Amino acid sequence: MAERHEALITLEENAIMGGAGSGVNEVLMAHRKVVPVLNIGLPDFFIPQGTQDEARAELGLDAAGIEAKIKDWLA
């Protein structure tokens, strides 16, 4: 898949560090595939309490936040 795309984006509702996106990065490096990767997920700090919708919005993991992160990264 990496050879057919200019970039990859991973999205998970879990910690970025040690998460699925990190696994993708490790596989790419093990196979010496140089492809830009944007890993989107939970940051490595305490997440304030609230509903899932509130937490996603605050962390930029709602639809608008994800779209903004991808657009900024691709710019």
PDB file of N, CA and C in Angstrom:
ATOM      1  N   MET A   1       0.815  -1.184   0.000  1.00  0.00           N
ATOM      2  CA  MET A   1       0.000   0.000   0.000  1.00  0.00           C
ATOM      3  C   MET A   1       0.869   1.263   0.000  1.00  0.00           C
ATOM      4  N   ALA A   2       1.940   1.251   0.757  1.00  0.00           N
ATOM      5  CA  ALA A   2       2.793   2.430   0.859  1.00  0.00           C
ATOM      6  C   ALA A   2       3.365   2.836  -0.490  1.00  0.00           C
ATOM      7  N   GLU A   3       3.636   1.878  -1.339  1.00  0.00           N
ATOM      8  CA  GLU A   3       4.221   2.189  -2.644  1.00  0.00           C
ATOM      9  C   GLU A   3       3.221   2.850  -3.583  1.00  0.00           C
ATOM     10  N   ARG A   4       1.930   2.689  -3.313  1.00  0.00           N
ATOM     11  CA  ARG A   4       0.904   3.243  -4.196  1.00  0.00           C
ATOM     12  C   ARG A   4       0.408   4.616  -3.755  1.00  0.00           C
ATOM     13  N   HIS A   5       0.901   5.121  -2.624  1.00  0.00           N
ATOM     14  CA  HIS A   5       0.415   6.400  -2.103  1.00  0.00           C
ATOM     15  C   HIS A   5       1.581   7.324  -1.773  1.00  0.00           C
ATOM     16  N   GLU A   6       1.323   8.615  -1.882  1.00  0.00           N
ATOM     17  CA  GLU A   6       2.353   9.609  -1.567  1.00  0.00           C
ATOM     18  C   GLU A   6       2.492   9.826  -0.069  1.00  0.00           C
ATOM     19  N   ALA A   7       1.444   9.527   0.681  1.00  0.00           N
ATOM     20  CA  ALA A   7       1.453   9.703   2.131  1.00  0.00           C
ATOM     21  C   ALA A   7       0.416   8.769   2.742  1.00  0.00           C
ATOM     22  N   LEU A   8       0.585   8.492   4.026  1.00  0.00           N
ATOM     23  CA  LEU A   8      -0.371   7.670   4.762  1.00  0.00           C
ATOM     24  C   LEU A   8      -0.841   8.438   5.991  1.00  0.00           C
ATOM     25  N   ILE A   9      -2.082   8.208   6.373  1.00  0.00           N
ATOM     26  CA  ILE A   9      -2.651   8.823   7.568  1.00  0.00           C
ATOM     27  C   ILE A   9      -3.269   7.714   8.404  1.00  0.00           C
ATOM     28  N   THR A  10      -2.878   7.655   9.674  1.00  0.00           N
ATOM     29  CA  THR A  10      -3.504   6.704  10.585  1.00  0.00           C
ATOM     30  C   THR A  10      -4.383   7.481  11.552  1.00  0.00           C
ATOM     31  N   LEU A  11      -5.489   6.880  11.928  1.00  0.00           N
ATOM     32  CA  LEU A  11      -6.434   7.512  12.851  1.00  0.00           C
ATOM     33  C   LEU A  11      -6.871   6.467  13.858  1.00  0.00           C
ATOM     34  N   GLU A  12      -6.703   6.797  15.126  1.00  0.00           N
ATOM     35  CA  GLU A  12      -7.118   5.857  16.161  1.00  0.00           C
ATOM     36  C   GLU A  12      -7.619   6.606  17.382  1.00  0.00           C
ATOM     37  N   GLU A  13      -8.544   5.994  18.076  1.00  0.00           N
ATOM     38  CA  GLU A  13      -9.036   6.566  19.325  1.00  0.00           C
ATOM     39  C   GLU A  13      -8.307   5.866  20.468  1.00  0.00           C
ATOM     40  N   ASN A  14      -7.018   6.082  20.450  1.00  0.00           N
ATOM     41  CA  ASN A  14      -6.116   5.478  21.418  1.00  0.00           C
ATOM     42  C   ASN A  14      -4.860   6.345  21.426  1.00  0.00           C
ATOM     43  N   ALA A  15      -3.936   6.049  22.308  1.00  0.00           N
ATOM     44  CA  ALA A  15      -2.698   6.819  22.375  1.00  0.00           C
ATOM     45  C   ALA A  15      -1.886   6.634  21.099  1.00  0.00           C
ATOM     46  N   ILE A  16      -1.320   7.729  20.619  1.00  0.00           N
ATOM     47  CA  ILE A  16      -0.471   7.669  19.432  1.00  0.00           C
ATOM     48  C   ILE A  16       0.795   6.873  19.749  1.00  0.00           C
ATOM     49  N   MET A  17       1.427   7.214  20.886  1.00  0.00           N
ATOM     50  CA  MET A  17       2.671   6.544  21.276  1.00  0.00           C
ATOM     51  C   MET A  17       2.375   5.091  21.617  1.00  0.00           C
ATOM     52  N   GLY A  18       2.961   4.182  20.863  1.00  0.00           N
ATOM     53  CA  GLY A  18       2.760   2.769  21.101  1.00  0.00           C
ATOM     54  C   GLY A  18       1.463   2.227  20.528  1.00  0.00           C
ATOM     55  N   GLY A  19       0.770   3.035  19.751  1.00  0.00           N
ATOM     56  CA  GLY A  19      -0.506   2.616  19.182  1.00  0.00           C
ATOM     57  C   GLY A  19      -0.365   2.019  17.793  1.00  0.00           C
ATOM     58  N   ALA A  20      -1.492   1.886  17.129  1.00  0.00           N
ATOM     59  CA  ALA A  20      -1.518   1.279  15.792  1.00  0.00           C
ATOM     60  C   ALA A  20      -0.692   2.085  14.793  1.00  0.00           C
ATOM     61  N   GLY A  21      -0.774   3.418  14.881  1.00  0.00           N
ATOM     62  CA  GLY A  21       0.008   4.256  13.976  1.00  0.00           C
ATOM     63  C   GLY A  21       1.502   4.041  14.150  1.00  0.00           C
ATOM     64  N   SER A  22       1.931   3.868  15.384  1.00  0.00           N
ATOM     65  CA  SER A  22       3.342   3.569  15.643  1.00  0.00           C
ATOM     66  C   SER A  22       3.731   2.244  15.007  1.00  0.00           C
ATOM     67  N   GLY A  23       2.810   1.289  15.037  1.00  0.00           N
ATOM     68  CA  GLY A  23       3.061   0.000  14.392  1.00  0.00           C
ATOM     69  C   GLY A  23       3.244   0.148  12.895  1.00  0.00           C
ATOM     70  N   VAL A  24       2.425   1.003  12.285  1.00  0.00           N
ATOM     71  CA  VAL A  24       2.560   1.273  10.847  1.00  0.00           C
ATOM     72  C   VAL A  24       3.937   1.869  10.569  1.00  0.00           C
ATOM     73  N   ASN A  25       4.339   2.840  11.391  1.00  0.00           N
ATOM     74  CA  ASN A  25       5.657   3.465  11.221  1.00  0.00           C
ATOM     75  C   ASN A  25       6.777   2.427  11.315  1.00  0.00           C
ATOM     76  N   GLU A  26       6.674   1.522  12.283  1.00  0.00           N
ATOM     77  CA  GLU A  26       7.703   0.495  12.469  1.00  0.00           C
ATOM     78  C   GLU A  26       7.793  -0.438  11.262  1.00  0.00           C
ATOM     79  N   VAL A  27       6.652  -0.847  10.732  1.00  0.00           N
ATOM     80  CA  VAL A  27       6.652  -1.731   9.563  1.00  0.00           C
ATOM     81  C   VAL A  27       7.270  -1.024   8.363  1.00  0.00           C
ATOM     82  N   LEU A  28       6.909   0.241   8.158  1.00  0.00           N
ATOM     83  CA  LEU A  28       7.474   0.998   7.040  1.00  0.00           C
ATOM     84  C   LEU A  28       8.990   1.085   7.153  1.00  0.00           C
ATOM     85  N   MET A  29       9.488   1.385   8.349  1.00  0.00           N
ATOM     86  CA  MET A  29      10.933   1.502   8.533  1.00  0.00           C
ATOM     87  C   MET A  29      11.618   0.147   8.384  1.00  0.00           C
ATOM     88  N   ALA A  30      10.994  -0.915   8.863  1.00  0.00           N
ATOM     89  CA  ALA A  30      11.588  -2.251   8.738  1.00  0.00           C
ATOM     90  C   ALA A  30      11.740  -2.658   7.277  1.00  0.00           C
ATOM     91  N   HIS A  31      10.834  -2.164   6.433  1.00  0.00           N
ATOM     92  CA  HIS A  31      10.884  -2.484   5.004  1.00  0.00           C
ATOM     93  C   HIS A  31      11.525  -1.362   4.176  1.00  0.00           C
ATOM     94  N   ARG A  32      12.113  -0.391   4.878  1.00  0.00           N
ATOM     95  CA  ARG A  32      12.800   0.743   4.248  1.00  0.00           C
ATOM     96  C   ARG A  32      11.917   1.482   3.251  1.00  0.00           C
ATOM     97  N   LYS A  33      10.661   1.685   3.632  1.00  0.00           N
ATOM     98  CA  LYS A  33       9.711   2.447   2.819  1.00  0.00           C
ATOM     99  C   LYS A  33       9.647   3.859   3.384  1.00  0.00           C
ATOM    100  N   VAL A  34      10.099   4.807   2.604  1.00  0.00           N
ATOM    101  CA  VAL A  34      10.098   6.196   3.048  1.00  0.00           C
ATOM    102  C   VAL A  34       8.821   6.853   2.543  1.00  0.00           C
ATOM    103  N   VAL A  35       7.835   6.905   3.414  1.00  0.00           N
ATOM    104  CA  VAL A  35       6.537   7.496   3.089  1.00  0.00           C
ATOM    105  C   VAL A  35       6.152   8.399   4.256  1.00  0.00           C
ATOM    106  N   PRO A  36       5.778   9.654   3.986  1.00  0.00           N
ATOM    107  CA  PRO A  36       5.314  10.507   5.075  1.00  0.00           C
ATOM    108  C   PRO A  36       4.062   9.908   5.721  1.00  0.00           C
ATOM    109  N   VAL A  37       4.028   9.921   7.057  1.00  0.00           N
ATOM    110  CA  VAL A  37       2.888   9.373   7.795  1.00  0.00           C
ATOM    111  C   VAL A  37       2.423  10.395   8.819  1.00  0.00           C
ATOM    112  N   LEU A  38       1.128  10.663   8.819  1.00  0.00           N
ATOM    113  CA  LEU A  38       0.505  11.490   9.852  1.00  0.00           C
ATOM    114  C   LEU A  38      -0.241  10.548  10.776  1.00  0.00           C
ATOM    115  N   ASN A  39       0.158  10.531  12.051  1.00  0.00           N
ATOM    116  CA  ASN A  39      -0.524   9.710  13.051  1.00  0.00           C
ATOM    117  C   ASN A  39      -1.451  10.614  13.857  1.00  0.00           C
ATOM    118  N   ILE A  40      -2.730  10.323  13.810  1.00  0.00           N
ATOM    119  CA  ILE A  40      -3.723  11.094  14.561  1.00  0.00           C
ATOM    120  C   ILE A  40      -4.302  10.185  15.635  1.00  0.00           C
ATOM    121  N   GLY A  41      -4.318  10.671  16.863  1.00  0.00           N
ATOM    122  CA  GLY A  41      -4.862   9.902  17.973  1.00  0.00           C
ATOM    123  C   GLY A  41      -4.756  10.698  19.255  1.00  0.00           C
ATOM    124  N   LEU A  42      -4.876  10.011  20.369  1.00  0.00           N
ATOM    125  CA  LEU A  42      -4.835  10.676  21.667  1.00  0.00           C
ATOM    126  C   LEU A  42      -3.405  11.068  22.022  1.00  0.00           C
ATOM    127  N   PRO A  43      -3.219  12.289  22.524  1.00  0.00           N
ATOM    128  CA  PRO A  43      -1.889  12.727  22.949  1.00  0.00           C
ATOM    129  C   PRO A  43      -1.483  12.008  24.235  1.00  0.00           C
ATOM    130  N   ASP A  44      -0.213  12.110  24.568  1.00  0.00           N
ATOM    131  CA  ASP A  44       0.326  11.442  25.753  1.00  0.00           C
ATOM    132  C   ASP A  44       0.275  12.376  26.957  1.00  0.00           C
ATOM    133  N   PHE A  45      -0.926  12.761  27.354  1.00  0.00           N
ATOM    134  CA  PHE A  45      -1.126  13.526  28.583  1.00  0.00           C
ATOM    135  C   PHE A  45      -2.531  13.257  29.102  1.00  0.00           C
ATOM    136  N   PHE A  46      -2.792  13.695  30.320  1.00  0.00           N
ATOM    137  CA  PHE A  46      -4.090  13.453  30.948  1.00  0.00           C
ATOM    138  C   PHE A  46      -5.196  14.076  30.106  1.00  0.00           C
ATOM    139  N   ILE A  47      -6.226  13.300  29.826  1.00  0.00           N
ATOM    140  CA  ILE A  47      -7.371  13.775  29.060  1.00  0.00           C
ATOM    141  C   ILE A  47      -8.420  14.266  30.051  1.00  0.00           C
ATOM    142  N   PRO A  48      -8.819  15.543  29.974  1.00  0.00           N
ATOM    143  CA  PRO A  48      -9.843  16.053  30.890  1.00  0.00           C
ATOM    144  C   PRO A  48     -11.146  15.258  30.774  1.00  0.00           C
ATOM    145  N   GLN A  49     -11.875  15.207  31.877  1.00  0.00           N
ATOM    146  CA  GLN A  49     -13.133  14.474  31.915  1.00  0.00           C
ATOM    147  C   GLN A  49     -14.215  15.193  31.116  1.00  0.00           C
ATOM    148  N   GLY A  50     -15.134  14.425  30.586  1.00  0.00           N
ATOM    149  CA  GLY A  50     -16.261  14.949  29.822  1.00  0.00           C
ATOM    150  C   GLY A  50     -16.865  13.825  29.012  1.00  0.00           C
ATOM    151  N   THR A  51     -17.845  14.157  28.217  1.00  0.00           N
ATOM    152  CA  THR A  51     -18.420  13.151  27.335  1.00  0.00           C
ATOM    153  C   THR A  51     -17.418  12.833  26.229  1.00  0.00           C
ATOM    154  N   GLN A  52     -17.642  11.744  25.518  1.00  0.00           N
ATOM    155  CA  GLN A  52     -16.745  11.410  24.406  1.00  0.00           C
ATOM    156  C   GLN A  52     -16.754  12.518  23.364  1.00  0.00           C
ATOM    157  N   ASP A  53     -17.919  13.068  23.066  1.00  0.00           N
ATOM    158  CA  ASP A  53     -17.996  14.147  22.077  1.00  0.00           C
ATOM    159  C   ASP A  53     -17.215  15.371  22.533  1.00  0.00           C
ATOM    160  N   GLU A  54     -17.319  15.718  23.829  1.00  0.00           N
ATOM    161  CA  GLU A  54     -16.581  16.872  24.353  1.00  0.00           C
ATOM    162  C   GLU A  54     -15.074  16.633  24.280  1.00  0.00           C
ATOM    163  N   ALA A  55     -14.649  15.456  24.677  1.00  0.00           N
ATOM    164  CA  ALA A  55     -13.212  15.144  24.655  1.00  0.00           C
ATOM    165  C   ALA A  55     -12.678  15.139  23.229  1.00  0.00           C
ATOM    166  N   ARG A  56     -13.413  14.528  22.308  1.00  0.00           N
ATOM    167  CA  ARG A  56     -12.967  14.508  20.908  1.00  0.00           C
ATOM    168  C   ARG A  56     -12.835  15.928  20.359  1.00  0.00           C
ATOM    169  N   ALA A  57     -13.830  16.768  20.632  1.00  0.00           N
ATOM    170  CA  ALA A  57     -13.786  18.148  20.132  1.00  0.00           C
ATOM    171  C   ALA A  57     -12.596  18.899  20.723  1.00  0.00           C
ATOM    172  N   GLU A  58     -12.372  18.745  22.024  1.00  0.00           N
ATOM    173  CA  GLU A  58     -11.270  19.455  22.680  1.00  0.00           C
ATOM    174  C   GLU A  58      -9.907  19.020  22.146  1.00  0.00           C
ATOM    175  N   LEU A  59      -9.789  17.754  21.777  1.00  0.00           N
ATOM    176  CA  LEU A  59      -8.516  17.215  21.293  1.00  0.00           C
ATOM    177  C   LEU A  59      -8.374  17.275  19.775  1.00  0.00           C
ATOM    178  N   GLY A  60      -9.394  17.807  19.098  1.00  0.00           N
ATOM    179  CA  GLY A  60      -9.343  17.867  17.640  1.00  0.00           C
ATOM    180  C   GLY A  60      -9.548  16.518  16.990  1.00  0.00           C
ATOM    181  N   LEU A  61     -10.274  15.629  17.667  1.00  0.00           N
ATOM    182  CA  LEU A  61     -10.526  14.299  17.122  1.00  0.00           C
ATOM    183  C   LEU A  61     -11.971  14.123  16.675  1.00  0.00           C
ATOM    184  N   ASP A  62     -12.681  15.232  16.559  1.00  0.00           N
ATOM    185  CA  ASP A  62     -14.004  15.189  15.933  1.00  0.00           C
ATOM    186  C   ASP A  62     -13.798  15.384  14.431  1.00  0.00           C
ATOM    187  N   ALA A  63     -14.864  15.293  13.660  1.00  0.00           N
ATOM    188  CA  ALA A  63     -14.726  15.368  12.193  1.00  0.00           C
ATOM    189  C   ALA A  63     -14.023  16.649  11.749  1.00  0.00           C
ATOM    190  N   ALA A  64     -14.428  17.782  12.314  1.00  0.00           N
ATOM    191  CA  ALA A  64     -13.823  19.064  11.919  1.00  0.00           C
ATOM    192  C   ALA A  64     -12.344  19.116  12.305  1.00  0.00           C
ATOM    193  N   GLY A  65     -12.011  18.623  13.480  1.00  0.00           N
ATOM    194  CA  GLY A  65     -10.625  18.633  13.932  1.00  0.00           C
ATOM    195  C   GLY A  65      -9.733  17.728  13.103  1.00  0.00           C
ATOM    196  N   ILE A  66     -10.250  16.553  12.763  1.00  0.00           N
ATOM    197  CA  ILE A  66      -9.483  15.618  11.933  1.00  0.00           C
ATOM    198  C   ILE A  66      -9.246  16.220  10.558  1.00  0.00           C
ATOM    199  N   GLU A  67     -10.292  16.803   9.989  1.00  0.00           N
ATOM    200  CA  GLU A  67     -10.151  17.439   8.671  1.00  0.00           C
ATOM    201  C   GLU A  67      -9.105  18.549   8.719  1.00  0.00           C
ATOM    202  N   ALA A  68      -9.143  19.373   9.768  1.00  0.00           N
ATOM    203  CA  ALA A  68      -8.186  20.475   9.897  1.00  0.00           C
ATOM    204  C   ALA A  68      -6.753  19.954  10.036  1.00  0.00           C
ATOM    205  N   LYS A  69      -6.559  18.906  10.836  1.00  0.00           N
ATOM    206  CA  LYS A  69      -5.215  18.343  11.013  1.00  0.00           C
ATOM    207  C   LYS A  69      -4.655  17.832   9.681  1.00  0.00           C
ATOM    208  N   ILE A  70      -5.505  17.149   8.926  1.00  0.00           N
ATOM    209  CA  ILE A  70      -5.051  16.598   7.646  1.00  0.00           C
ATOM    210  C   ILE A  70      -4.745  17.711   6.656  1.00  0.00           C
ATOM    211  N   LYS A  71      -5.629  18.715   6.572  1.00  0.00           N
ATOM    212  CA  LYS A  71      -5.393  19.833   5.647  1.00  0.00           C
ATOM    213  C   LYS A  71      -4.116  20.579   6.006  1.00  0.00           C
ATOM    214  N   ASP A  72      -3.907  20.843   7.299  1.00  0.00           N
ATOM    215  CA  ASP A  72      -2.691  21.541   7.733  1.00  0.00           C
ATOM    216  C   ASP A  72      -1.446  20.732   7.381  1.00  0.00           C
ATOM    217  N   TRP A  73      -1.504  19.437   7.588  1.00  0.00           N
ATOM    218  CA  TRP A  73      -0.358  18.571   7.330  1.00  0.00           C
ATOM    219  C   TRP A  73      -0.046  18.475   5.842  1.00  0.00           C
ATOM    220  N   LEU A  74      -1.080  18.451   5.017  1.00  0.00           N
ATOM    221  CA  LEU A  74      -0.875  18.340   3.571  1.00  0.00           C
ATOM    222  C   LEU A  74      -0.487  19.665   2.913  1.00  0.00           C
ATOM    223  N   ALA A  75      -0.702  20.771   3.617  1.00  0.00           N
ATOM    224  CA  ALA A  75      -0.422  22.098   3.037  1.00  0.00           C
ATOM    225  C   ALA A  75       1.063  22.330   2.844  1.00  0.00           C
TER     226      ALA A  75
END
